[in-house]
Every structure is written in structure tokens, then in C-alpha cells.
PDB file of N, CA and C in Angstrom:
ATOM      1  N   MET A   1       0.852  -1.170   0.000  1.00  0.00           N
ATOM      2  CA  MET A   1       0.000   0.000   0.000  1.00  0.00           C
ATOM      3  C   MET A   1       0.899   1.234   0.000  1.00  0.00           C
ATOM      4  N   SER A   2       0.596   2.170  -0.870  1.00  0.00           N
ATOM      5  CA  SER A   2       1.438   3.366  -0.955  1.00  0.00           C
ATOM      6  C   SER A   2       0.922   4.454  -0.022  1.00  0.00           C
ATOM      7  N   ILE A   3       1.779   5.388   0.274  1.00  0.00           N
ATOM      8  CA  ILE A   3       1.406   6.500   1.151  1.00  0.00           C
ATOM      9  C   ILE A   3       0.316   7.350   0.523  1.00  0.00           C
ATOM     10  N   TRP A   4       0.272   7.393  -0.808  1.00  0.00           N
ATOM     11  CA  TRP A   4      -0.707   8.241  -1.484  1.00  0.00           C
ATOM     12  C   TRP A   4      -2.125   7.719  -1.273  1.00  0.00           C
ATOM     13  N   THR A   5      -2.324   6.412  -1.206  1.00  0.00           N
ATOM     14  CA  THR A   5      -3.664   5.891  -0.988  1.00  0.00           C
ATOM     15  C   THR A   5      -4.090   6.051   0.466  1.00  0.00           C
ATOM     16  N   ILE A   6      -3.150   6.101   1.373  1.00  0.00           N
ATOM     17  CA  ILE A   6      -3.486   6.303   2.778  1.00  0.00           C
ATOM     18  C   ILE A   6      -3.949   7.735   3.017  1.00  0.00           C
ATOM     19  N   THR A   7      -3.244   8.692   2.437  1.00  0.00           N
ATOM     20  CA  THR A   7      -3.555  10.092   2.693  1.00  0.00           C
ATOM     21  C   THR A   7      -4.634  10.638   1.774  1.00  0.00           C
ATOM     22  N   THR A   8      -4.977   9.954   0.714  1.00  0.00           N
ATOM     23  CA  THR A   8      -5.904  10.401  -0.323  1.00  0.00           C
ATOM     24  C   THR A   8      -5.505  11.751  -0.914  1.00  0.00           C
ATOM     25  N   ARG A   9      -4.227  12.009  -0.934  1.00  0.00           N
ATOM     26  CA  ARG A   9      -3.673  13.185  -1.607  1.00  0.00           C
ATOM     27  C   ARG A   9      -2.575  12.708  -2.539  1.00  0.00           C
ATOM     28  N   TYR A  10      -2.363  13.462  -3.579  1.00  0.00           N
ATOM     29  CA  TYR A  10      -1.431  13.053  -4.622  1.00  0.00           C
ATOM     30  C   TYR A  10      -0.390  14.136  -4.842  1.00  0.00           C
ATOM     31  N   LEU A  11       0.861  13.722  -5.005  1.00  0.00           N
ATOM     32  CA  LEU A  11       1.949  14.672  -5.212  1.00  0.00           C
ATOM     33  C   LEU A  11       2.083  14.964  -6.699  1.00  0.00           C
ATOM     34  N   ILE A  12       1.916  16.238  -7.037  1.00  0.00           N
ATOM     35  CA  ILE A  12       1.999  16.704  -8.414  1.00  0.00           C
ATOM     36  C   ILE A  12       3.166  17.678  -8.511  1.00  0.00           C
ATOM     37  N   LEU A  13       4.025  17.506  -9.499  1.00  0.00           N
ATOM     38  CA  LEU A  13       5.128  18.430  -9.749  1.00  0.00           C
ATOM     39  C   LEU A  13       4.805  19.197 -11.020  1.00  0.00           C
ATOM     40  N   SER A  14       4.815  20.531 -10.943  1.00  0.00           N
ATOM     41  CA  SER A  14       4.485  21.331 -12.122  1.00  0.00           C
ATOM     42  C   SER A  14       5.645  22.236 -12.493  1.00  0.00           C
ATOM     43  N   TYR A  15       5.870  22.343 -13.772  1.00  0.00           N
ATOM     44  CA  TYR A  15       6.948  23.172 -14.316  1.00  0.00           C
ATOM     45  C   TYR A  15       6.413  23.955 -15.499  1.00  0.00           C
ATOM     46  N   THR A  16       6.980  25.138 -15.724  1.00  0.00           N
ATOM     47  CA  THR A  16       6.588  25.913 -16.889  1.00  0.00           C
ATOM     48  C   THR A  16       7.264  25.356 -18.133  1.00  0.00           C
ATOM     49  N   ASN A  17       6.576  25.470 -19.243  1.00  0.00           N
ATOM     50  CA  ASN A  17       7.142  25.065 -20.522  1.00  0.00           C
ATOM     51  C   ASN A  17       8.329  25.974 -20.823  1.00  0.00           C
ATOM     52  N   LYS A  18       9.400  25.440 -21.380  1.00  0.00           N
ATOM     53  CA  LYS A  18      10.620  26.223 -21.620  1.00  0.00           C
ATOM     54  C   LYS A  18      10.405  27.390 -22.568  1.00  0.00           C
ATOM     55  N   VAL A  19       9.461  27.285 -23.494  1.00  0.00           N
ATOM     56  CA  VAL A  19       9.218  28.370 -24.443  1.00  0.00           C
ATOM     57  C   VAL A  19       8.082  29.289 -23.996  1.00  0.00           C
ATOM     58  N   SER A  20       7.524  29.051 -22.850  1.00  0.00           N
ATOM     59  CA  SER A  20       6.414  29.844 -22.342  1.00  0.00           C
ATOM     60  C   SER A  20       6.905  31.175 -21.790  1.00  0.00           C
ATOM     61  N   SER A  21       6.047  32.176 -21.895  1.00  0.00           N
ATOM     62  CA  SER A  21       6.372  33.483 -21.326  1.00  0.00           C
ATOM     63  C   SER A  21       5.903  33.599 -19.876  1.00  0.00           C
ATOM     64  N   LEU A  22       5.291  32.549 -19.359  1.00  0.00           N
ATOM     65  CA  LEU A  22       4.803  32.582 -17.982  1.00  0.00           C
ATOM     66  C   LEU A  22       5.961  32.442 -17.001  1.00  0.00           C
ATOM     67  N   PRO A  23       5.816  33.063 -15.836  1.00  0.00           N
ATOM     68  CA  PRO A  23       6.876  32.924 -14.826  1.00  0.00           C
ATOM     69  C   PRO A  23       6.863  31.542 -14.186  1.00  0.00           C
ATOM     70  N   GLU A  24       8.015  31.149 -13.674  1.00  0.00           N
ATOM     71  CA  GLU A  24       8.110  29.908 -12.895  1.00  0.00           C
ATOM     72  C   GLU A  24       7.402  30.135 -11.566  1.00  0.00           C
ATOM     73  N   CYS A  25       6.699  29.155 -11.112  1.00  0.00           N
ATOM     74  CA  CYS A  25       6.071  29.216  -9.799  1.00  0.00           C
ATOM     75  C   CYS A  25       7.109  28.825  -8.756  1.00  0.00           C
ATOM     76  N   GLU A  26       7.178  29.594  -7.668  1.00  0.00           N
ATOM     77  CA  GLU A  26       8.150  29.281  -6.619  1.00  0.00           C
ATOM     78  C   GLU A  26       7.895  27.906  -6.019  1.00  0.00           C
ATOM     79  N   ASN A  27       6.630  27.577  -5.856  1.00  0.00           N
ATOM     80  CA  ASN A  27       6.271  26.267  -5.319  1.00  0.00           C
ATOM     81  C   ASN A  27       5.855  25.382  -6.482  1.00  0.00           C
ATOM     82  N   TYR A  28       6.664  24.421  -6.829  1.00  0.00           N
ATOM     83  CA  TYR A  28       6.330  23.549  -7.949  1.00  0.00           C
ATOM     84  C   TYR A  28       5.790  22.205  -7.483  1.00  0.00           C
ATOM     85  N   ARG A  29       5.742  21.989  -6.167  1.00  0.00           N
ATOM     86  CA  ARG A  29       5.209  20.736  -5.621  1.00  0.00           C
ATOM     87  C   ARG A  29       3.833  21.003  -5.020  1.00  0.00           C
ATOM     88  N   TYR A  30       2.886  20.187  -5.399  1.00  0.00           N
ATOM     89  CA  TYR A  30       1.523  20.334  -4.901  1.00  0.00           C
ATOM     90  C   TYR A  30       1.042  18.998  -4.368  1.00  0.00           C
ATOM     91  N   LEU A  31       0.470  19.024  -3.198  1.00  0.00           N
ATOM     92  CA  LEU A  31      -0.162  17.847  -2.614  1.00  0.00           C
ATOM     93  C   LEU A  31      -1.664  18.084  -2.745  1.00  0.00           C
ATOM     94  N   VAL A  32      -2.277  17.474  -3.734  1.00  0.00           N
ATOM     95  CA  VAL A  32      -3.661  17.798  -4.068  1.00  0.00           C
ATOM     96  C   VAL A  32      -4.616  16.719  -3.568  1.00  0.00           C
ATOM     97  N   PRO A  33      -5.833  17.131  -3.176  1.00  0.00           N
ATOM     98  CA  PRO A  33      -6.826  16.142  -2.751  1.00  0.00           C
ATOM     99  C   PRO A  33      -7.278  15.283  -3.931  1.00  0.00           C
ATOM    100  N   ALA A  34      -7.778  14.112  -3.631  1.00  0.00           N
ATOM    101  CA  ALA A  34      -8.158  13.137  -4.656  1.00  0.00           C
ATOM    102  C   ALA A  34      -9.273  13.641  -5.561  1.00  0.00           C
ATOM    103  N   ASP A  35     -10.143  14.506  -5.054  1.00  0.00           N
ATOM    104  CA  ASP A  35     -11.293  14.948  -5.846  1.00  0.00           C
ATOM    105  C   ASP A  35     -11.084  16.280  -6.558  1.00  0.00           C
ATOM    106  N   LEU A  36      -9.872  16.801  -6.589  1.00  0.00           N
ATOM    107  CA  LEU A  36      -9.582  18.064  -7.266  1.00  0.00           C
ATOM    108  C   LEU A  36      -9.650  17.867  -8.778  1.00  0.00           C
ATOM    109  N   THR A  37     -10.321  18.789  -9.476  1.00  0.00           N
ATOM    110  CA  THR A  37     -10.398  18.696 -10.934  1.00  0.00           C
ATOM    111  C   THR A  37      -9.219  19.426 -11.574  1.00  0.00           C
ATOM    112  N   VAL A  38      -9.016  19.166 -12.848  1.00  0.00           N
ATOM    113  CA  VAL A  38      -7.959  19.853 -13.598  1.00  0.00           C
ATOM    114  C   VAL A  38      -8.218  21.357 -13.594  1.00  0.00           C
ATOM    115  N   GLY A  39      -9.464  21.760 -13.776  1.00  0.00           N
ATOM    116  CA  GLY A  39      -9.816  23.180 -13.759  1.00  0.00           C
ATOM    117  C   GLY A  39      -9.459  23.843 -12.439  1.00  0.00           C
ATOM    118  N   GLN A  40      -9.710  23.163 -11.337  1.00  0.00           N
ATOM    119  CA  GLN A  40      -9.358  23.703 -10.024  1.00  0.00           C
ATOM    120  C   GLN A  40      -7.847  23.774  -9.849  1.00  0.00           C
ATOM    121  N   PHE A  41      -7.128  22.801 -10.379  1.00  0.00           N
ATOM    122  CA  PHE A  41      -5.670  22.809 -10.300  1.00  0.00           C
ATOM    123  C   PHE A  41      -5.093  23.966 -11.114  1.00  0.00           C
ATOM    124  N   VAL A  42      -5.670  24.219 -12.286  1.00  0.00           N
ATOM    125  CA  VAL A  42      -5.241  25.360 -13.104  1.00  0.00           C
ATOM    126  C   VAL A  42      -5.460  26.658 -12.331  1.00  0.00           C
ATOM    127  N   TYR A  43      -6.585  26.763 -11.641  1.00  0.00           N
ATOM    128  CA  TYR A  43      -6.880  27.950 -10.838  1.00  0.00           C
ATOM    129  C   TYR A  43      -5.814  28.152  -9.759  1.00  0.00           C
ATOM    130  N   VAL A  44      -5.402  27.078  -9.111  1.00  0.00           N
ATOM    131  CA  VAL A  44      -4.360  27.159  -8.077  1.00  0.00           C
ATOM    132  C   VAL A  44      -3.062  27.697  -8.675  1.00  0.00           C
ATOM    133  N   ILE A  45      -2.673  27.182  -9.826  1.00  0.00           N
ATOM    134  CA  ILE A  45      -1.439  27.650 -10.471  1.00  0.00           C
ATOM    135  C   ILE A  45      -1.568  29.112 -10.881  1.00  0.00           C
ATOM    136  N   ARG A  46      -2.729  29.493 -11.462  1.00  0.00           N
ATOM    137  CA  ARG A  46      -2.950  30.901 -11.853  1.00  0.00           C
ATOM    138  C   ARG A  46      -2.732  31.832 -10.673  1.00  0.00           C
ATOM    139  N   LYS A  47      -3.278  31.470  -9.530  1.00  0.00           N
ATOM    140  CA  LYS A  47      -3.148  32.315  -8.339  1.00  0.00           C
ATOM    141  C   LYS A  47      -1.709  32.371  -7.845  1.00  0.00           C
ATOM    142  N   ARG A  48      -1.016  31.253  -7.898  1.00  0.00           N
ATOM    143  CA  ARG A  48       0.369  31.207  -7.399  1.00  0.00           C
ATOM    144  C   ARG A  48       1.320  32.050  -8.242  1.00  0.00           C
ATOM    145  N   ILE A  49       1.100  32.089  -9.560  1.00  0.00           N
ATOM    146  CA  ILE A  49       2.002  32.866 -10.415  1.00  0.00           C
ATOM    147  C   ILE A  49       1.453  34.265 -10.697  1.00  0.00           C
ATOM    148  N   LYS A  50       0.291  34.586 -10.099  1.00  0.00           N
ATOM    149  CA  LYS A  50      -0.335  35.903 -10.247  1.00  0.00           C
ATOM    150  C   LYS A  50      -0.526  36.263 -11.722  1.00  0.00           C
ATOM    151  N   LEU A  51      -1.207  35.395 -12.425  1.00  0.00           N
ATOM    152  CA  LEU A  51      -1.422  35.553 -13.856  1.00  0.00           C
ATOM    153  C   LEU A  51      -2.558  36.533 -14.118  1.00  0.00           C
ATOM    154  N   SER A  52      -2.333  37.502 -15.004  1.00  0.00           N
ATOM    155  CA  SER A  52      -3.355  38.504 -15.319  1.00  0.00           C
ATOM    156  C   SER A  52      -4.505  37.873 -16.108  1.00  0.00           C
ATOM    157  N   ALA A  53      -5.633  38.561 -16.118  1.00  0.00           N
ATOM    158  CA  ALA A  53      -6.842  38.037 -16.757  1.00  0.00           C
ATOM    159  C   ALA A  53      -6.710  37.922 -18.272  1.00  0.00           C
ATOM    160  N   GLU A  54      -5.794  38.678 -18.875  1.00  0.00           N
ATOM    161  CA  GLU A  54      -5.628  38.639 -20.330  1.00  0.00           C
ATOM    162  C   GLU A  54      -4.905  37.391 -20.810  1.00  0.00           C
ATOM    163  N   LYS A  55      -4.247  36.700 -19.924  1.00  0.00           N
ATOM    164  CA  LYS A  55      -3.446  35.539 -20.325  1.00  0.00           C
ATOM    165  C   LYS A  55      -4.180  34.241 -20.005  1.00  0.00           C
ATOM    166  N   ALA A  56      -4.074  33.314 -20.933  1.00  0.00           N
ATOM    167  CA  ALA A  56      -4.636  31.974 -20.725  1.00  0.00           C
ATOM    168  C   ALA A  56      -3.508  31.050 -20.295  1.00  0.00           C
ATOM    169  N   ILE A  57      -3.870  30.048 -19.527  1.00  0.00           N
ATOM    170  CA  ILE A  57      -2.888  29.057 -19.091  1.00  0.00           C
ATOM    171  C   ILE A  57      -3.401  27.678 -19.483  1.00  0.00           C
ATOM    172  N   PHE A  58      -2.494  26.860 -19.937  1.00  0.00           N
ATOM    173  CA  PHE A  58      -2.822  25.499 -20.339  1.00  0.00           C
ATOM    174  C   PHE A  58      -1.870  24.553 -19.628  1.00  0.00           C
ATOM    175  N   ILE A  59      -2.404  23.451 -19.100  1.00  0.00           N
ATOM    176  CA  ILE A  59      -1.519  22.464 -18.490  1.00  0.00           C
ATOM    177  C   ILE A  59      -1.497  21.214 -19.354  1.00  0.00           C
ATOM    178  N   PHE A  60      -0.354  20.548 -19.323  1.00  0.00           N
ATOM    179  CA  PHE A  60      -0.149  19.359 -20.140  1.00  0.00           C
ATOM    180  C   PHE A  60       0.400  18.230 -19.282  1.00  0.00           C
ATOM    181  N   VAL A  61      -0.104  17.036 -19.533  1.00  0.00           N
ATOM    182  CA  VAL A  61       0.407  15.821 -18.908  1.00  0.00           C
ATOM    183  C   VAL A  61       0.826  14.910 -20.055  1.00  0.00           C
ATOM    184  N   ASP A  62       2.090  14.556 -20.115  1.00  0.00           N
ATOM    185  CA  ASP A  62       2.633  13.785 -21.248  1.00  0.00           C
ATOM    186  C   ASP A  62       2.344  14.472 -22.582  1.00  0.00           C
ATOM    187  N   ASN A  63       2.504  15.795 -22.605  1.00  0.00           N
ATOM    188  CA  ASN A  63       2.278  16.617 -23.806  1.00  0.00           C
ATOM    189  C   ASN A  63       0.847  16.546 -24.325  1.00  0.00           C
ATOM    190  N   VAL A  64      -0.100  16.211 -23.457  1.00  0.00           N
ATOM    191  CA  VAL A  64      -1.517  16.150 -23.815  1.00  0.00           C
ATOM    192  C   VAL A  64      -2.284  17.063 -22.868  1.00  0.00           C
ATOM    193  N   LEU A  65      -3.226  17.824 -23.423  1.00  0.00           N
ATOM    194  CA  LEU A  65      -4.072  18.710 -22.637  1.00  0.00           C
ATOM    195  C   LEU A  65      -5.208  17.892 -22.026  1.00  0.00           C
ATOM    196  N   PRO A  66      -5.228  17.713 -20.695  1.00  0.00           N
ATOM    197  CA  PRO A  66      -6.299  16.911 -20.087  1.00  0.00           C
ATOM    198  C   PRO A  66      -7.615  17.691 -20.045  1.00  0.00           C
ATOM    199  N   PRO A  67      -8.757  17.010 -20.031  1.00  0.00           N
ATOM    200  CA  PRO A  67     -10.049  17.694 -19.937  1.00  0.00           C
ATOM    201  C   PRO A  67     -10.162  18.471 -18.626  1.00  0.00           C
ATOM    202  N   THR A  68     -10.774  19.643 -18.681  1.00  0.00           N
ATOM    203  CA  THR A  68     -10.900  20.508 -17.508  1.00  0.00           C
ATOM    204  C   THR A  68     -11.652  19.829 -16.373  1.00  0.00           C
ATOM    205  N   GLY A  69     -12.628  19.011 -16.695  1.00  0.00           N
ATOM    206  CA  GLY A  69     -13.426  18.355 -15.671  1.00  0.00           C
ATOM    207  C   GLY A  69     -12.841  17.062 -15.141  1.00  0.00           C
ATOM    208  N   ALA A  70     -11.703  16.645 -15.683  1.00  0.00           N
ATOM    209  CA  ALA A  70     -11.088  15.387 -15.236  1.00  0.00           C
ATOM    210  C   ALA A  70     -10.595  15.512 -13.798  1.00  0.00           C
ATOM    211  N   ILE A  71     -10.646  14.426 -13.069  1.00  0.00           N
ATOM    212  CA  ILE A  71     -10.202  14.392 -11.678  1.00  0.00           C
ATOM    213  C   ILE A  71      -8.699  14.113 -11.651  1.00  0.00           C
ATOM    214  N   MET A  72      -7.963  14.912 -10.870  1.00  0.00           N
ATOM    215  CA  MET A  72      -6.505  14.793 -10.820  1.00  0.00           C
ATOM    216  C   MET A  72      -6.057  13.415 -10.342  1.00  0.00           C
ATOM    217  N   SER A  73      -6.802  12.791  -9.430  1.00  0.00           N
ATOM    218  CA  SER A  73      -6.397  11.467  -8.944  1.00  0.00           C
ATOM    219  C   SER A  73      -6.462  10.424 -10.060  1.00  0.00           C
ATOM    220  N   ALA A  74      -7.451  10.547 -10.954  1.00  0.00           N
ATOM    221  CA  ALA A  74      -7.555   9.616 -12.082  1.00  0.00           C
ATOM    222  C   ALA A  74      -6.400   9.826 -13.056  1.00  0.00           C
ATOM    223  N   ILE A  75      -6.052  11.077 -13.303  1.00  0.00           N
ATOM    224  CA  ILE A  75      -4.917  11.375 -14.179  1.00  0.00           C
ATOM    225  C   ILE A  75      -3.633  10.875 -13.536  1.00  0.00           C
ATOM    226  N   TYR A  76      -3.515  11.061 -12.223  1.00  0.00           N
ATOM    227  CA  TYR A  76      -2.334  10.577 -11.502  1.00  0.00           C
ATOM    228  C   TYR A  76      -2.187   9.068 -11.674  1.00  0.00           C
ATOM    229  N   GLU A  77      -3.260   8.331 -11.440  1.00  0.00           N
ATOM    230  CA  GLU A  77      -3.200   6.870 -11.532  1.00  0.00           C
ATOM    231  C   GLU A  77      -2.848   6.404 -12.943  1.00  0.00           C
ATOM    232  N   GLU A  78      -3.310   7.146 -13.940  1.00  0.00           N
ATOM    233  CA  GLU A  78      -3.074   6.746 -15.327  1.00  0.00           C
ATOM    234  C   GLU A  78      -1.704   7.180 -15.849  1.00  0.00           C
ATOM    235  N   LYS A  79      -1.219   8.347 -15.414  1.00  0.00           N
ATOM    236  CA  LYS A  79      -0.038   8.947 -16.039  1.00  0.00           C
ATOM    237  C   LYS A  79       1.165   9.133 -15.116  1.00  0.00           C
ATOM    238  N   LYS A  80       1.094   8.671 -13.877  1.00  0.00           N
ATOM    239  CA  LYS A  80       2.218   8.900 -12.966  1.00  0.00           C
ATOM    240  C   LYS A  80       3.488   8.246 -13.490  1.00  0.00           C
ATOM    241  N   ASP A  81       4.612   8.868 -13.161  1.00  0.00           N
ATOM    242  CA  ASP A  81       5.911   8.359 -13.568  1.00  0.00           C
ATOM    243  C   ASP A  81       6.287   7.187 -12.668  1.00  0.00           C
ATOM    244  N   GLU A  82       7.289   6.428 -13.071  1.00  0.00           N
ATOM    245  CA  GLU A  82       7.715   5.283 -12.258  1.00  0.00           C
ATOM    246  C   GLU A  82       8.287   5.709 -10.911  1.00  0.00           C
ATOM    247  N   ASP A  83       8.668   6.990 -10.780  1.00  0.00           N
ATOM    248  CA  ASP A  83       9.165   7.481  -9.492  1.00  0.00           C
ATOM    249  C   ASP A  83       8.027   7.870  -8.546  1.00  0.00           C
ATOM    250  N   GLY A  84       6.770   7.742  -9.000  1.00  0.00           N
ATOM    251  CA  GLY A  84       5.618   8.016  -8.156  1.00  0.00           C
ATOM    252  C   GLY A  84       5.076   9.427  -8.263  1.00  0.00           C
ATOM    253  N   PHE A  85       5.683  10.268  -9.097  1.00  0.00           N
ATOM    254  CA  PHE A  85       5.221  11.642  -9.260  1.00  0.00           C
ATOM    255  C   PHE A  85       4.448  11.788 -10.564  1.00  0.00           C
ATOM    256  N   LEU A  86       3.514  12.730 -10.575  1.00  0.00           N
ATOM    257  CA  LEU A  86       2.841  13.119 -11.810  1.00  0.00           C
ATOM    258  C   LEU A  86       3.471  14.431 -12.245  1.00  0.00           C
ATOM    259  N   TYR A  87       4.048  14.447 -13.430  1.00  0.00           N
ATOM    260  CA  TYR A  87       4.702  15.650 -13.941  1.00  0.00           C
ATOM    261  C   TYR A  87       3.739  16.405 -14.849  1.00  0.00           C
ATOM    262  N   VAL A  88       3.546  17.678 -14.532  1.00  0.00           N
ATOM    263  CA  VAL A  88       2.641  18.544 -15.269  1.00  0.00           C
ATOM    264  C   VAL A  88       3.438  19.756 -15.736  1.00  0.00           C
ATOM    265  N   THR A  89       3.280  20.134 -16.995  1.00  0.00           N
ATOM    266  CA  THR A  89       3.888  21.376 -17.474  1.00  0.00           C
ATOM    267  C   THR A  89       2.769  22.352 -17.795  1.00  0.00           C
ATOM    268  N   TYR A  90       3.064  23.638 -17.663  1.00  0.00           N
ATOM    269  CA  TYR A  90       2.064  24.638 -18.016  1.00  0.00           C
ATOM    270  C   TYR A  90       2.667  25.667 -18.951  1.00  0.00           C
ATOM    271  N   SER A  91       1.798  26.228 -19.771  1.00  0.00           N
ATOM    272  CA  SER A  91       2.205  27.199 -20.772  1.00  0.00           C
ATOM    273  C   SER A  91       1.096  28.227 -20.895  1.00  0.00           C
ATOM    274  N   GLY A  92       1.413  29.390 -21.422  1.00  0.00           N
ATOM    275  CA  GLY A  92       0.413  30.443 -21.533  1.00  0.00           C
ATOM    276  C   GLY A  92       0.369  31.066 -22.908  1.00  0.00           C
ATOM    277  N   GLU A  93      -0.744  31.700 -23.172  1.00  0.00           N
ATOM    278  CA  GLU A  93      -0.939  32.434 -24.416  1.00  0.00           C
ATOM    279  C   GLU A  93      -1.645  33.736 -24.095  1.00  0.00           C
ATOM    280  N   ASN A  94      -1.377  34.755 -24.881  1.00  0.00           N
ATOM    281  CA  ASN A  94      -2.037  36.042 -24.742  1.00  0.00           C
ATOM    282  C   ASN A  94      -3.277  36.030 -25.630  1.00  0.00           C
ATOM    283  N   THR A  95      -4.264  35.225 -25.277  1.00  0.00           N
ATOM    284  CA  THR A  95      -5.397  34.963 -26.165  1.00  0.00           C
ATOM    285  C   THR A  95      -6.534  35.962 -26.041  1.00  0.00           C
ATOM    286  N   PHE A  96      -6.629  36.672 -24.957  1.00  0.00           N
ATOM    287  CA  PHE A  96      -7.767  37.549 -24.743  1.00  0.00           C
ATOM    288  C   PHE A  96      -7.428  39.006 -25.022  1.00  0.00           C
ATOM    289  N   GLY A  97      -6.385  39.244 -25.792  1.00  0.00           N
ATOM    290  CA  GLY A  97      -5.961  40.611 -26.065  1.00  0.00           C
ATOM    291  C   GLY A  97      -5.135  41.136 -24.916  1.00  0.00           C
ATOM    292  N   SER A  98      -4.698  42.336 -25.047  1.00  0.00           N
ATOM    293  CA  SER A  98      -3.932  42.935 -23.964  1.00  0.00           C
ATOM    294  C   SER A  98      -4.429  44.342 -23.729  1.00  0.00           C
ATOM    295  N   HIS A  99      -4.176  44.821 -22.562  1.00  0.00           N
ATOM    296  CA  HIS A  99      -4.611  46.158 -22.187  1.00  0.00           C
ATOM    297  C   HIS A  99      -3.661  47.174 -22.808  1.00  0.00           C
ATOM    298  N   ILE A 100      -4.215  48.038 -23.665  1.00  0.00           N
ATOM    299  CA  ILE A 100      -3.411  49.093 -24.284  1.00  0.00           C
ATOM    300  C   ILE A 100      -3.928  50.421 -23.756  1.00  0.00           C
ATOM    301  N   PRO A 101      -3.090  51.168 -23.047  1.00  0.00           N
ATOM    302  CA  PRO A 101      -3.548  52.456 -22.520  1.00  0.00           C
ATOM    303  C   PRO A 101      -3.878  53.428 -23.650  1.00  0.00           C
ATOM    304  N   VAL A 102      -4.951  54.201 -23.468  1.00  0.00           N
ATOM    305  CA  VAL A 102      -5.354  55.191 -24.477  1.00  0.00           C
ATOM    306  C   VAL A 102      -4.951  56.578 -24.104  1.00  0.00           C
TER     307      VAL A 102
END
């Protein structure tokens, strides 16, 4: 039995994409509850890096964009690395325009 099933929390490591303009998050380790959705996890990262409303953020697991409503524990069980961690990368786009002073 692993420690992750006892605590019902999962260790997620997140890193910014190397070509992304988004800042690195100081805390790249997250211990997330089993019922957290991908959308909620994205919200946590947005808040940690203080991302403005004009920028979109996308997270990738194995270079695939997971569905927003997917549960992180299910993704963890399916995609975790052999070292027991789930590696997530995030990237951003300036998709909603930018604020131009008049």
C-alpha cells in the first residue's frame, strides 16, 4: 500500500514550458486532494504565479491537454511516472488581447 492511498492526496510536480512566457512558480510541488479537478488545479497555479486576466494558461500531462473536468487522482493513476510523481507542465498564451492604454 502506498502512502498516497493512505492520505488520499497526490503529489503533483508542475513546471513551466521552456518556451512559455509565464513565470516559474516558486512552489512547484503540490499535494492535491483526490477529488480536485484539472480546472481547479489550473486555478491554483494561476493564483500562485499571479497571472493577469488577459493571459490563458494550459496544463499538459505527457504533452496532452487533459479535460478541464477530469479528476486529478484519475490522471495521476493513469499517467504517474515510475518514481511516483505526476509531472505537469504549463504554458500560456495572450489569447484575450492585452490592455493598451489610451
